[in-house]
């Protein structure tokens, strides 16, 4: 498989959770082993996470997101991250991505430290559900994705966007939450 460029992918600004759903589906369609893909919801209990090296931000000035979503891909040479909104390479080595996007914050900025919810890509593709209501009245109608909303085949298996980004919830999809240090240990 040739390297994937951002322009090869479905992308809608402000819909990172759907962009990553589309990317995971594309990889699996291209026979990338599903077991090598994990979706990462990035947030924290205060729903205010500082993300550096983002479009509209910089290396020194973060954007404060309530959540962000990226794809982690375990390759033979190591882990890489796909982040459509990052100034970093696409993909970017996972450790480099963490250093650029989530540098160590001083103690007075502890409320902006990230937590990472790891979701197996097949579970995410099976369960993710969003009616896009979180963006209603915030953006113009033409700025929404042009494809239909993403809903699982069985409503009973759905995990909504609101549930995924609530880091106080334990979910039925075997997802788990790590802090930055635990994430570094996982990819080392």
Protein backbone atom coordinates (compact mmCIF):
# COMPACT_ATOMS: atom_id res chain seq x y z
CA UNK A 1 0.00 0.00 0.00
CA UNK A 2 1.37 3.41 -0.93
CA UNK A 3 1.60 6.05 1.82
CA UNK A 4 -1.68 7.80 2.44
CA UNK A 5 -1.86 11.58 2.02
CA UNK A 6 -4.38 13.84 3.75
CA UNK A 7 -5.85 14.62 0.34
CA UNK A 8 -6.65 10.90 -0.19
CA UNK A 9 -9.06 10.97 2.74
CA UNK A 10 -12.55 12.16 3.56
CA UNK A 11 -12.16 15.31 5.68
CA UNK A 12 -14.60 17.85 7.08
CA UNK A 13 -13.26 20.65 9.25
CA UNK A 14 -14.47 20.45 12.90
CA UNK A 15 -15.58 16.80 12.60
CA UNK A 16 -12.46 14.95 13.78
CA UNK A 17 -14.50 12.04 15.17
CA UNK A 18 -16.10 11.42 11.78
CA UNK A 19 -12.86 12.01 9.85
CA UNK A 20 -11.17 9.32 11.93
CA UNK A 21 -14.16 6.98 11.53
CA UNK A 22 -13.82 7.39 7.75
CA UNK A 23 -10.04 6.86 7.90
CA UNK A 24 -10.32 3.69 9.99
CA UNK A 25 -12.93 2.33 7.57
CA UNK A 26 -10.64 3.14 4.63
CA UNK A 27 -7.68 1.35 6.22
CA UNK A 28 -9.70 -1.75 6.98
CA UNK A 29 -11.11 -1.72 3.43
CA UNK A 30 -7.49 -1.62 2.20
CA UNK A 31 -6.74 -4.74 4.29
CA UNK A 32 -4.76 -3.03 7.05
CA UNK A 33 -5.12 -5.41 10.02
CA UNK A 34 -7.91 -4.05 12.19
CA UNK A 35 -6.00 -5.16 15.29
CA UNK A 36 -3.29 -2.62 14.41
CA UNK A 37 -5.68 0.37 14.58
CA UNK A 38 -6.96 2.24 17.62
CA UNK A 39 -9.05 5.38 17.75
CA UNK A 40 -7.98 7.85 20.41
CA UNK A 41 -10.40 10.31 21.96
CA UNK A 42 -8.32 12.99 23.66
CA UNK A 43 -9.87 15.05 26.43
CA UNK A 44 -9.93 15.10 30.22
CA UNK A 45 -12.41 15.35 33.08
CA UNK A 46 -12.72 19.13 32.71
CA UNK A 47 -13.25 18.83 28.91
CA UNK A 48 -10.50 21.39 28.27
CA UNK A 49 -7.36 19.95 26.72
CA UNK A 50 -4.41 21.97 25.38
CA UNK A 51 -3.36 20.74 21.95
CA UNK A 52 -0.23 22.26 20.42
CA UNK A 53 0.84 22.12 16.76
CA UNK A 54 -2.71 22.34 15.46
CA UNK A 55 -3.92 24.24 12.42
CA UNK A 56 -4.89 27.62 13.81
CA UNK A 57 -2.48 27.25 16.73
CA UNK A 58 1.29 26.85 16.88
CA UNK A 59 4.14 25.01 18.58
CA UNK A 60 4.05 27.55 21.42
CA UNK A 61 0.37 28.50 21.48
CA UNK A 62 -2.12 25.65 21.96
CA UNK A 63 -5.71 25.44 20.98
CA UNK A 64 -8.02 24.45 23.82
CA UNK A 65 -10.37 21.73 22.61
CA UNK A 66 -13.14 20.02 24.54
CA UNK A 67 -11.98 16.86 22.75
CA UNK A 68 -9.95 15.75 19.76
CA UNK A 69 -9.81 12.43 17.89
CA UNK A 70 -6.86 10.79 16.10
CA UNK A 71 -5.94 7.34 14.80
CA UNK A 72 -3.09 5.26 16.23
CA UNK A 73 -1.60 2.70 13.82
CA UNK A 74 0.80 0.03 15.01
CA UNK A 75 3.22 -0.68 12.16
CA UNK A 76 6.20 -3.04 12.08
CA UNK A 77 8.50 -0.02 12.47
CA UNK A 78 6.53 1.42 15.41
CA UNK A 79 3.42 3.43 16.19
CA UNK A 80 2.23 6.37 14.10
CA UNK A 81 -0.58 8.88 14.59
CA UNK A 82 -2.90 10.25 11.94
CA UNK A 83 -4.23 13.70 12.86
CA UNK A 84 -5.88 15.69 10.08
CA UNK A 85 -5.65 18.92 12.08
CA UNK A 86 -2.00 18.73 13.09
CA UNK A 87 0.90 20.72 11.71
CA UNK A 88 2.97 17.53 12.15
CA UNK A 89 3.56 14.97 9.41
CA UNK A 90 0.68 12.75 8.28
CA UNK A 91 1.29 10.21 9.67
CA UNK A 92 3.66 11.19 12.45
CA UNK A 93 5.69 8.91 14.70
CA UNK A 94 3.61 8.59 17.87
CA UNK A 95 6.31 9.80 20.28
CA UNK A 96 7.08 12.80 18.07
CA UNK A 97 3.38 13.56 17.86
CA UNK A 98 3.00 13.42 21.64
CA UNK A 99 6.02 15.68 22.14
CA UNK A 100 4.74 18.22 19.60
CA UNK A 101 1.04 18.13 20.45
CA UNK A 102 1.08 17.39 24.19
CA UNK A 103 4.30 18.65 25.77
CA UNK A 104 4.63 18.43 29.54
CA UNK A 105 2.57 21.25 31.08
CA UNK A 106 3.49 23.11 34.23
CA UNK A 107 1.51 22.34 37.36
CA UNK A 108 -0.56 25.53 37.09
CA UNK A 109 -1.88 24.23 33.74
CA UNK A 110 -2.81 20.76 35.07
CA UNK A 111 -6.47 21.21 34.11
CA UNK A 112 -5.40 21.18 30.44
CA UNK A 113 -3.42 17.91 30.55
CA UNK A 114 -4.67 15.23 28.17
CA UNK A 115 -6.16 11.85 28.82
CA UNK A 116 -6.47 9.34 25.99
CA UNK A 117 -9.40 6.95 25.50
CA UNK A 118 -8.18 3.99 23.41
CA UNK A 119 -10.87 2.28 21.33
CA UNK A 120 -10.21 -0.69 19.04
CA UNK A 121 -11.02 0.53 15.53
CA UNK A 122 -13.48 -2.30 14.77
CA UNK A 123 -15.44 -1.44 17.93
CA UNK A 124 -15.48 2.24 16.96
CA UNK A 125 -16.69 1.44 13.44
CA UNK A 126 -19.37 -0.83 14.87
CA UNK A 127 -20.63 1.42 17.67
CA UNK A 128 -19.94 5.12 16.94
CA UNK A 129 -23.05 7.23 16.67
CA UNK A 130 -23.40 10.96 16.09
CA UNK A 131 -26.43 12.96 15.10
CA UNK A 132 -24.15 16.04 14.78
CA UNK A 133 -26.31 17.96 17.23
CA UNK A 134 -23.18 19.23 19.02
CA UNK A 135 -22.50 21.45 15.98
CA UNK A 136 -26.06 22.63 15.34
CA UNK A 137 -26.30 26.43 15.52
CA UNK A 138 -22.48 26.70 15.71
CA UNK A 139 -21.67 26.35 12.02
CA UNK A 140 -23.50 26.94 8.76
CA UNK A 141 -25.37 24.05 7.15
CA UNK A 142 -22.92 23.92 4.21
CA UNK A 143 -20.03 23.23 6.64
CA UNK A 144 -21.46 19.85 7.73
CA UNK A 145 -20.23 16.60 6.14
CA UNK A 146 -21.93 15.81 2.85
CA UNK A 147 -22.41 12.11 3.67
CA UNK A 148 -25.18 10.82 5.98
CA UNK A 149 -24.76 10.81 9.77
CA UNK A 150 -22.88 7.84 11.16
CA UNK A 151 -25.08 5.41 13.05
CA UNK A 152 -24.54 1.72 13.87
CA UNK A 153 -26.74 -0.88 12.24
CA UNK A 154 -28.12 -1.87 15.65
CA UNK A 155 -29.19 1.07 17.77
CA UNK A 156 -28.71 -1.08 20.87
CA UNK A 157 -24.93 -1.19 20.23
CA UNK A 158 -24.54 2.57 19.81
CA UNK A 159 -22.09 4.65 21.78
CA UNK A 160 -22.74 8.31 21.15
CA UNK A 161 -20.18 11.02 20.62
CA UNK A 162 -21.22 12.50 23.97
CA UNK A 163 -20.49 9.18 25.70
CA UNK A 164 -17.09 8.75 24.05
CA UNK A 165 -15.97 12.21 25.10
CA UNK A 166 -17.16 11.80 28.70
CA UNK A 167 -14.06 10.58 30.51
CA UNK A 168 -16.08 9.87 33.64
CA UNK A 169 -17.86 7.00 31.88
CA UNK A 170 -16.74 3.40 31.55
CA UNK A 171 -18.05 2.12 28.22
CA UNK A 172 -19.12 -1.33 27.04
CA UNK A 173 -16.63 -1.39 24.14
CA UNK A 174 -13.53 -2.37 26.18
CA UNK A 175 -12.04 1.08 25.65
CA UNK A 176 -9.62 2.27 28.29
CA UNK A 177 -8.10 5.58 29.37
CA UNK A 178 -4.42 6.37 29.79
CA UNK A 179 -2.59 9.52 30.80
CA UNK A 180 0.35 10.87 28.76
CA UNK A 181 3.00 8.90 30.68
CA UNK A 182 1.06 5.63 30.35
CA UNK A 183 0.60 6.32 26.62
CA UNK A 184 4.37 6.79 26.24
CA UNK A 185 4.96 3.49 28.00
CA UNK A 186 2.48 1.75 25.68
CA UNK A 187 4.28 2.90 22.52
CA UNK A 188 7.83 2.37 23.82
